[in-house]
Amino acid sequence: GLLYRGGADGMPRSKAPRAPPFVRQSEPEPQPSAVTVALVTTFCGAVGCYFVMMAAGSEVLQGLAKPVPVLVLFIWAWLRREEVCRCHGTGVFYALLVALVFGAIGDVLLELDFFVPGLLSFLVGHSGYTVAFTLGSRVVMALQLIPVLFFIIPIIAILAPHLGALFVPVVAYMAISVAVCWRAAAWTATHAGGWAVLAVPGAVAFLISDGFIGVNKFVGPFPGRDVVVMTTYWLGQVLMTSSIVNSAV
């Protein structure tokens, strides 16, 4: 007869239903908060307003829009203060705030054609970035100075005959710009990978912006100078701030 495996009562047992295979559900992508959307919108709107007002010749509205992007970065950094202080230390955080505050002040002063006060304000702002990157990385990395010096020395050579009494403050300012690039390289080396790598291109963009400001001020204006100067400047601010804030995890 037919053979089967049955239970104690001799009746056949049906097979237990097989459990469906486990399917790992992917986690939903994190969505930007309303505050983040508002900050990005304000930043981009201010940049766009600045260039539109510049093209329209409205110096007042152009001047009002100019410091807004850096102030937005200040607010963003402040909102992330707990993460930045916990990961990088309070010294790094407050040095970043100094860099952003004096950057915004320098924006206003240069827009009002107060060149020397604006230069001093940006000197303090650059010092803030230098201190932030140094506190976050005690690596010396002296060799990283070489490519920066190859870039900055020709700029100083071009500007020097036109500086007159401003030779010392301008050269001092360019020296601190070099220090920002140098310490940004050390920051990137210490915090390998991730957002920290943005420090170097940010510092270089800032240095390029400074170089064009010097050429425009002391050598002579060139076509598209405002677009080049402000684009590289804001790019530098965004990248350096992001390298500190977004690497705080």
C-alpha atoms as a PDB file:
ATOM      1  CA  GLY A   1       0.000   0.000   0.000  1.00  0.00           C
ATOM      2  CA  LEU A   2       0.935   3.733   0.088  1.00  0.00           C
ATOM      3  CA  LEU A   3       3.577   4.570   2.744  1.00  0.00           C
ATOM      4  CA  TYR A   4       3.292   7.799   4.682  1.00  0.00           C
ATOM      5  CA  ARG A   5       4.492   9.266   7.925  1.00  0.00           C
ATOM      6  CA  GLY A   6       1.576   9.800  10.301  1.00  0.00           C
ATOM      7  CA  GLY A   7       0.993  10.921  13.867  1.00  0.00           C
ATOM      8  CA  ALA A   8       0.191   8.813  16.915  1.00  0.00           C
ATOM      9  CA  ASP A   9      -3.374   8.333  15.692  1.00  0.00           C
ATOM     10  CA  GLY A  10      -2.144   7.073  12.357  1.00  0.00           C
ATOM     11  CA  MET A  11      -3.459  10.076  10.487  1.00  0.00           C
ATOM     12  CA  PRO A  12      -1.127  11.915   8.129  1.00  0.00           C
ATOM     13  CA  ARG A  13       0.181  15.300   9.179  1.00  0.00           C
ATOM     14  CA  SER A  14       0.254  18.178   6.742  1.00  0.00           C
ATOM     15  CA  LYS A  15       3.494  20.098   6.360  1.00  0.00           C
ATOM     16  CA  ALA A  16       3.840  23.229   8.454  1.00  0.00           C
ATOM     17  CA  PRO A  17       3.683  26.377   6.328  1.00  0.00           C
ATOM     18  CA  ARG A  18       7.089  27.704   5.530  1.00  0.00           C
ATOM     19  CA  ALA A  19       7.812  31.191   6.899  1.00  0.00           C
ATOM     20  CA  PRO A  20       8.218  33.822   4.222  1.00  0.00           C
ATOM     21  CA  PRO A  21      11.801  34.923   3.633  1.00  0.00           C
ATOM     22  CA  PHE A  22      12.897  37.916   5.700  1.00  0.00           C
ATOM     23  CA  VAL A  23      13.194  41.010   3.601  1.00  0.00           C
ATOM     24  CA  ARG A  24      15.294  43.839   5.044  1.00  0.00           C
ATOM     25  CA  GLN A  25      13.475  47.061   4.606  1.00  0.00           C
ATOM     26  CA  SER A  26      15.652  49.955   3.589  1.00  0.00           C
ATOM     27  CA  GLU A  27      15.622  52.864   5.989  1.00  0.00           C
ATOM     28  CA  PRO A  28      14.027  55.999   4.615  1.00  0.00           C
ATOM     29  CA  GLU A  29      16.416  58.717   3.539  1.00  0.00           C
ATOM     30  CA  PRO A  30      16.609  61.526   6.102  1.00  0.00           C
ATOM     31  CA  GLN A  31      14.715  64.564   4.932  1.00  0.00           C
ATOM     32  CA  PRO A  32      16.064  68.092   5.412  1.00  0.00           C
ATOM     33  CA  SER A  33      14.357  69.981   8.204  1.00  0.00           C
ATOM     34  CA  ALA A  34      12.280  73.081   7.607  1.00  0.00           C
ATOM     35  CA  VAL A  35      15.052  75.160   9.212  1.00  0.00           C
ATOM     36  CA  THR A  36      17.647  73.751   6.798  1.00  0.00           C
ATOM     37  CA  VAL A  37      15.404  74.469   3.816  1.00  0.00           C
ATOM     38  CA  ALA A  38      14.830  78.015   5.078  1.00  0.00           C
ATOM     39  CA  LEU A  39      18.567  78.638   5.548  1.00  0.00           C
ATOM     40  CA  VAL A  40      19.498  77.287   2.114  1.00  0.00           C
ATOM     41  CA  THR A  41      16.702  79.296   0.501  1.00  0.00           C
ATOM     42  CA  THR A  42      17.805  82.480   2.279  1.00  0.00           C
ATOM     43  CA  PHE A  43      21.444  81.924   1.330  1.00  0.00           C
ATOM     44  CA  CYS A  44      20.691  81.324  -2.346  1.00  0.00           C
ATOM     45  CA  GLY A  45      18.155  84.157  -2.425  1.00  0.00           C
ATOM     46  CA  ALA A  46      20.653  86.625  -0.974  1.00  0.00           C
ATOM     47  CA  VAL A  47      23.343  85.575  -3.465  1.00  0.00           C
ATOM     48  CA  GLY A  48      20.914  85.897  -6.348  1.00  0.00           C
ATOM     49  CA  CYS A  49      19.649  89.263  -5.062  1.00  0.00           C
ATOM     50  CA  TYR A  50      23.212  90.565  -4.779  1.00  0.00           C
ATOM     51  CA  PHE A  51      24.040  89.780  -8.397  1.00  0.00           C
ATOM     52  CA  VAL A  52      20.681  91.026  -9.710  1.00  0.00           C
ATOM     53  CA  MET A  53      21.024  94.303  -7.805  1.00  0.00           C
ATOM     54  CA  MET A  54      24.611  94.626  -9.015  1.00  0.00           C
ATOM     55  CA  ALA A  55      23.440  94.270 -12.613  1.00  0.00           C
ATOM     56  CA  ALA A  56      20.623  96.752 -11.975  1.00  0.00           C
ATOM     57  CA  GLY A  57      22.992  99.263 -10.384  1.00  0.00           C
ATOM     58  CA  SER A  58      21.129  99.346  -7.057  1.00  0.00           C
ATOM     59  CA  GLU A  59      24.034  99.796  -4.654  1.00  0.00           C
ATOM     60  CA  VAL A  60      21.838 100.046  -1.545  1.00  0.00           C
ATOM     61  CA  LEU A  61      20.063  96.712  -2.038  1.00  0.00           C
ATOM     62  CA  GLN A  62      23.322  95.161  -3.205  1.00  0.00           C
ATOM     63  CA  GLY A  63      24.993  96.283   0.021  1.00  0.00           C
ATOM     64  CA  LEU A  64      22.125  94.960   2.144  1.00  0.00           C
ATOM     65  CA  ALA A  65      22.281  91.543   0.486  1.00  0.00           C
ATOM     66  CA  LYS A  66      26.057  91.157   0.647  1.00  0.00           C
ATOM     67  CA  PRO A  67      26.537  90.069   4.318  1.00  0.00           C
ATOM     68  CA  VAL A  68      23.428  87.863   4.435  1.00  0.00           C
ATOM     69  CA  PRO A  69      24.995  84.618   3.106  1.00  0.00           C
ATOM     70  CA  VAL A  70      27.733  84.645   5.761  1.00  0.00           C
ATOM     71  CA  LEU A  71      25.196  85.503   8.471  1.00  0.00           C
ATOM     72  CA  VAL A  72      23.190  82.478   7.339  1.00  0.00           C
ATOM     73  CA  LEU A  73      26.305  80.337   7.804  1.00  0.00           C
ATOM     74  CA  PHE A  74      26.684  81.830  11.296  1.00  0.00           C
ATOM     75  CA  ILE A  75      23.105  80.844  12.195  1.00  0.00           C
ATOM     76  CA  TRP A  76      23.657  77.340  10.804  1.00  0.00           C
ATOM     77  CA  ALA A  77      26.843  76.895  12.835  1.00  0.00           C
ATOM     78  CA  TRP A  78      25.089  78.189  15.958  1.00  0.00           C
ATOM     79  CA  LEU A  79      22.239  75.708  15.525  1.00  0.00           C
ATOM     80  CA  ARG A  80      24.815  72.898  15.340  1.00  0.00           C
ATOM     81  CA  ARG A  81      26.835  74.172  18.309  1.00  0.00           C
ATOM     82  CA  GLU A  82      26.248  71.115  20.515  1.00  0.00           C
ATOM     83  CA  GLU A  83      27.564  68.683  17.900  1.00  0.00           C
ATOM     84  CA  VAL A  84      30.515  70.899  16.966  1.00  0.00           C
ATOM     85  CA  CYS A  85      31.535  71.507  20.600  1.00  0.00           C
ATOM     86  CA  ARG A  86      31.194  67.823  21.470  1.00  0.00           C
ATOM     87  CA  CYS A  87      33.166  66.601  18.462  1.00  0.00           C
ATOM     88  CA  HIS A  88      35.753  69.352  17.920  1.00  0.00           C
ATOM     89  CA  GLY A  89      35.752  71.326  21.177  1.00  0.00           C
ATOM     90  CA  THR A  90      34.399  74.733  22.185  1.00  0.00           C
ATOM     91  CA  GLY A  91      37.567  76.479  20.992  1.00  0.00           C
ATOM     92  CA  VAL A  92      36.995  75.343  17.416  1.00  0.00           C
ATOM     93  CA  PHE A  93      33.350  76.365  17.569  1.00  0.00           C
ATOM     94  CA  TYR A  94      33.925  79.895  18.863  1.00  0.00           C
ATOM     95  CA  ALA A  95      36.865  80.445  16.506  1.00  0.00           C
ATOM     96  CA  LEU A  96      34.519  79.556  13.635  1.00  0.00           C
ATOM     97  CA  LEU A  97      31.963  82.065  14.914  1.00  0.00           C
ATOM     98  CA  VAL A  98      34.666  84.761  15.031  1.00  0.00           C
ATOM     99  CA  ALA A  99      35.603  83.961  11.430  1.00  0.00           C
ATOM    100  CA  LEU A 100      32.000  84.286  10.259  1.00  0.00           C
ATOM    101  CA  VAL A 101      31.106  87.404  12.273  1.00  0.00           C
ATOM    102  CA  PHE A 102      34.151  89.350  11.134  1.00  0.00           C
ATOM    103  CA  GLY A 103      33.643  88.078   7.591  1.00  0.00           C
ATOM    104  CA  ALA A 104      30.158  89.623   7.567  1.00  0.00           C
ATOM    105  CA  ILE A 105      31.504  92.861   9.078  1.00  0.00           C
ATOM    106  CA  GLY A 106      34.228  92.944   6.429  1.00  0.00           C
ATOM    107  CA  ASP A 107      31.584  92.502   3.726  1.00  0.00           C
ATOM    108  CA  VAL A 108      29.790  95.628   4.911  1.00  0.00           C
ATOM    109  CA  LEU A 109      32.961  97.695   5.325  1.00  0.00           C
ATOM    110  CA  LEU A 110      34.298  96.870   1.862  1.00  0.00           C
ATOM    111  CA  GLU A 111      30.898  97.569   0.340  1.00  0.00           C
ATOM    112  CA  LEU A 112      31.034 101.024   1.981  1.00  0.00           C
ATOM    113  CA  ASP A 113      34.531 101.460   0.517  1.00  0.00           C
ATOM    114  CA  PHE A 114      36.264 101.398   3.914  1.00  0.00           C
ATOM    115  CA  PHE A 115      39.153  99.345   2.591  1.00  0.00           C
ATOM    116  CA  VAL A 116      41.577  99.351   5.527  1.00  0.00           C
ATOM    117  CA  PRO A 117      38.926  98.636   8.231  1.00  0.00           C
ATOM    118  CA  GLY A 118      37.517  95.947   5.954  1.00  0.00           C
ATOM    119  CA  LEU A 119      41.000  94.489   5.505  1.00  0.00           C
ATOM    120  CA  LEU A 120      41.503  94.386   9.275  1.00  0.00           C
ATOM    121  CA  SER A 121      38.103  92.768   9.772  1.00  0.00           C
ATOM    122  CA  PHE A 122      38.916  90.014   7.306  1.00  0.00           C
ATOM    123  CA  LEU A 123      42.320  89.654   8.940  1.00  0.00           C
ATOM    124  CA  VAL A 124      40.537  88.796  12.201  1.00  0.00           C
ATOM    125  CA  GLY A 125      38.146  86.500  10.327  1.00  0.00           C
ATOM    126  CA  HIS A 126      41.024  84.640   8.665  1.00  0.00           C
ATOM    127  CA  SER A 127      42.688  84.337  12.063  1.00  0.00           C
ATOM    128  CA  GLY A 128      39.499  82.707  13.329  1.00  0.00           C
ATOM    129  CA  TYR A 129      39.693  80.014  10.661  1.00  0.00           C
ATOM    130  CA  THR A 130      43.402  79.547  11.335  1.00  0.00           C
ATOM    131  CA  VAL A 131      42.772  79.067  15.065  1.00  0.00           C
ATOM    132  CA  ALA A 132      39.838  76.708  14.426  1.00  0.00           C
ATOM    133  CA  PHE A 133      41.844  74.479  12.085  1.00  0.00           C
ATOM    134  CA  THR A 134      44.883  74.574  14.394  1.00  0.00           C
ATOM    135  CA  LEU A 135      42.913  73.608  17.498  1.00  0.00           C
ATOM    136  CA  GLY A 136      41.388  70.758  15.536  1.00  0.00           C
ATOM    137  CA  SER A 137      44.753  69.527  14.243  1.00  0.00           C
ATOM    138  CA  ARG A 138      48.129  69.897  15.929  1.00  0.00           C
ATOM    139  CA  VAL A 139      49.925  68.302  12.947  1.00  0.00           C
ATOM    140  CA  VAL A 140      52.612  70.654  11.605  1.00  0.00           C
ATOM    141  CA  MET A 141      52.681  69.609   7.902  1.00  0.00           C
ATOM    142  CA  ALA A 142      55.309  72.205   6.934  1.00  0.00           C
ATOM    143  CA  LEU A 143      55.616  70.812   3.401  1.00  0.00           C
ATOM    144  CA  GLN A 144      52.028  71.862   2.698  1.00  0.00           C
ATOM    145  CA  LEU A 145      53.221  75.474   2.783  1.00  0.00           C
ATOM    146  CA  ILE A 146      55.278  75.058  -0.383  1.00  0.00           C
ATOM    147  CA  PRO A 147      52.480  74.965  -3.018  1.00  0.00           C
ATOM    148  CA  VAL A 148      50.654  77.825  -1.269  1.00  0.00           C
ATOM    149  CA  LEU A 149      53.798  79.967  -1.314  1.00  0.00           C
ATOM    150  CA  PHE A 150      54.262  79.243  -5.025  1.00  0.00           C
ATOM    151  CA  PHE A 151      50.785  80.682  -5.528  1.00  0.00           C
ATOM    152  CA  ILE A 152      50.950  83.686  -3.210  1.00  0.00           C
ATOM    153  CA  ILE A 153      54.469  84.978  -3.930  1.00  0.00           C
ATOM    154  CA  PRO A 154      53.681  85.952  -7.564  1.00  0.00           C
ATOM    155  CA  ILE A 155      50.529  87.762  -6.361  1.00  0.00           C
ATOM    156  CA  ILE A 156      52.553  89.763  -3.834  1.00  0.00           C
ATOM    157  CA  ALA A 157      55.143  90.511  -6.532  1.00  0.00           C
ATOM    158  CA  ILE A 158      52.399  91.871  -8.804  1.00  0.00           C
ATOM    159  CA  LEU A 159      50.835  93.979  -6.046  1.00  0.00           C
ATOM    160  CA  ALA A 160      54.002  95.252  -4.327  1.00  0.00           C
ATOM    161  CA  PRO A 161      54.818  98.148  -6.712  1.00  0.00           C
ATOM    162  CA  HIS A 162      51.269  99.501  -6.276  1.00  0.00           C
ATOM    163  CA  LEU A 163      50.815  99.159  -2.503  1.00  0.00           C
ATOM    164  CA  GLY A 164      52.741 102.169  -1.217  1.00  0.00           C
ATOM    165  CA  ALA A 165      51.978 102.761   2.472  1.00  0.00           C
ATOM    166  CA  LEU A 166      49.666  99.733   2.541  1.00  0.00           C
ATOM    167  CA  PHE A 167      52.477  97.288   1.776  1.00  0.00           C
ATOM    168  CA  VAL A 168      52.799  95.973   5.358  1.00  0.00           C
ATOM    169  CA  PRO A 169      49.075  95.472   6.136  1.00  0.00           C
ATOM    170  CA  VAL A 170      48.375  93.890   2.749  1.00  0.00           C
ATOM    171  CA  VAL A 171      51.340  91.501   2.994  1.00  0.00           C
ATOM    172  CA  ALA A 172      50.328  90.643   6.571  1.00  0.00           C
ATOM    173  CA  TYR A 173      46.825  89.891   5.329  1.00  0.00           C
ATOM    174  CA  MET A 174      48.131  87.672   2.540  1.00  0.00           C
ATOM    175  CA  ALA A 175      50.340  85.876   5.068  1.00  0.00           C
ATOM    176  CA  ILE A 176      47.342  84.993   7.218  1.00  0.00           C
ATOM    177  CA  SER A 177      45.564  83.795   4.067  1.00  0.00           C
ATOM    178  CA  VAL A 178      48.482  81.434   3.505  1.00  0.00           C
ATOM    179  CA  ALA A 179      48.176  80.275   7.119  1.00  0.00           C
ATOM    180  CA  VAL A 180      44.499  79.442   6.567  1.00  0.00           C
ATOM    181  CA  CYS A 181      45.403  77.188   3.614  1.00  0.00           C
ATOM    182  CA  TRP A 182      48.214  75.563   5.564  1.00  0.00           C
ATOM    183  CA  ARG A 183      46.086  74.773   8.612  1.00  0.00           C
ATOM    184  CA  ALA A 184      43.187  73.677   6.419  1.00  0.00           C
ATOM    185  CA  ALA A 185      45.489  71.016   4.962  1.00  0.00           C
ATOM    186  CA  ALA A 186      46.369  69.866   8.484  1.00  0.00           C
ATOM    187  CA  TRP A 187      42.667  69.753   9.412  1.00  0.00           C
ATOM    188  CA  THR A 188      41.916  67.594   6.382  1.00  0.00           C
ATOM    189  CA  ALA A 189      44.797  65.237   7.193  1.00  0.00           C
ATOM    190  CA  THR A 190      43.665  64.831  10.797  1.00  0.00           C
ATOM    191  CA  HIS A 191      39.969  64.342  10.013  1.00  0.00           C
ATOM    192  CA  ALA A 192      40.542  62.063   7.037  1.00  0.00           C
ATOM    193  CA  GLY A 193      37.594  61.594   4.711  1.00  0.00           C
ATOM    194  CA  GLY A 194      34.094  62.986   4.821  1.00  0.00           C
ATOM    195  CA  TRP A 195      33.245  66.657   4.956  1.00  0.00           C
ATOM    196  CA  ALA A 196      36.644  67.656   6.379  1.00  0.00           C
ATOM    197  CA  VAL A 197      38.188  67.422   2.900  1.00  0.00           C
ATOM    198  CA  LEU A 198      36.317  70.597   1.937  1.00  0.00           C
ATOM    199  CA  ALA A 199      38.627  72.721   4.102  1.00  0.00           C
ATOM    200  CA  VAL A 200      41.442  72.906   1.532  1.00  0.00           C
ATOM    201  CA  PRO A 201      39.381  73.829  -1.558  1.00  0.00           C
ATOM    202  CA  GLY A 202      37.519  76.322   0.622  1.00  0.00           C
ATOM    203  CA  ALA A 203      40.727  77.981   1.792  1.00  0.00           C
ATOM    204  CA  VAL A 204      42.086  78.057  -1.768  1.00  0.00           C
ATOM    205  CA  ALA A 205      38.868  79.630  -3.072  1.00  0.00           C
ATOM    206  CA  PHE A 206      39.151  82.277  -0.341  1.00  0.00           C
ATOM    207  CA  LEU A 207      42.778  82.915  -1.308  1.00  0.00           C
ATOM    208  CA  ILE A 208      41.841  83.317  -4.974  1.00  0.00           C
ATOM    209  CA  SER A 209      39.123  85.795  -4.016  1.00  0.00           C
ATOM    210  CA  ASP A 210      41.617  87.803  -1.941  1.00  0.00           C
ATOM    211  CA  GLY A 211      44.080  87.823  -4.829  1.00  0.00           C
ATOM    212  CA  PHE A 212      41.484  89.192  -7.245  1.00  0.00           C
ATOM    213  CA  ILE A 213      40.462  91.870  -4.726  1.00  0.00           C
ATOM    214  CA  GLY A 214      44.086  92.985  -4.509  1.00  0.00           C
ATOM    215  CA  VAL A 215      44.547  93.072  -8.270  1.00  0.00           C
ATOM    216  CA  ASN A 216      41.298  94.995  -8.739  1.00  0.00           C
ATOM    217  CA  LYS A 217      42.127  97.491  -5.983  1.00  0.00           C
ATOM    218  CA  PHE A 218      45.806  98.196  -6.676  1.00  0.00           C
ATOM    219  CA  VAL A 219      46.556  97.161 -10.262  1.00  0.00           C
ATOM    220  CA  GLY A 220      43.338  97.895 -12.113  1.00  0.00           C
ATOM    221  CA  PRO A 221      39.776  96.638 -12.613  1.00  0.00           C
ATOM    222  CA  PHE A 222      39.117  93.718 -14.903  1.00  0.00           C
ATOM    223  CA  PRO A 223      35.896  92.467 -16.563  1.00  0.00           C
ATOM    224  CA  GLY A 224      33.627  90.399 -14.352  1.00  0.00           C
ATOM    225  CA  ARG A 225      35.678  91.164 -11.251  1.00  0.00           C
ATOM    226  CA  ASP A 226      32.714  91.381  -8.861  1.00  0.00           C
ATOM    227  CA  VAL A 227      31.275  88.058  -9.994  1.00  0.00           C
ATOM    228  CA  VAL A 228      34.635  86.291  -9.711  1.00  0.00           C
ATOM    229  CA  VAL A 229      35.502  87.837  -6.335  1.00  0.00           C
ATOM    230  CA  MET A 230      32.151  87.170  -4.674  1.00  0.00           C
ATOM    231  CA  THR A 231      31.630  83.697  -6.154  1.00  0.00           C
ATOM    232  CA  THR A 232      35.004  82.429  -4.931  1.00  0.00           C
ATOM    233  CA  TYR A 233      34.534  84.226  -1.595  1.00  0.00           C
ATOM    234  CA  TRP A 234      31.140  82.700  -0.815  1.00  0.00           C
ATOM    235  CA  LEU A 235      32.323  79.324  -2.073  1.00  0.00           C
ATOM    236  CA  GLY A 236      35.274  79.498   0.323  1.00  0.00           C
ATOM    237  CA  GLN A 237      33.060  80.431   3.275  1.00  0.00           C
ATOM    238  CA  VAL A 238      30.607  77.612   2.568  1.00  0.00           C
ATOM    239  CA  LEU A 239      33.279  74.950   2.102  1.00  0.00           C
ATOM    240  CA  MET A 240      35.339  75.873   5.176  1.00  0.00           C
ATOM    241  CA  THR A 241      32.266  76.168   7.409  1.00  0.00           C
ATOM    242  CA  SER A 242      30.931  72.849   6.113  1.00  0.00           C
ATOM    243  CA  SER A 243      34.277  71.161   6.746  1.00  0.00           C
ATOM    244  CA  ILE A 244      33.890  71.989  10.457  1.00  0.00           C
ATOM    245  CA  VAL A 245      30.127  71.785  11.021  1.00  0.00           C
ATOM    246  CA  ASN A 246      29.291  68.749   8.895  1.00  0.00           C
ATOM    247  CA  SER A 247      32.287  66.748  10.137  1.00  0.00           C
ATOM    248  CA  ALA A 248      30.911  67.030  13.689  1.00  0.00           C
ATOM    249  CA  VAL A 249      29.174  63.671  14.139  1.00  0.00           C
END
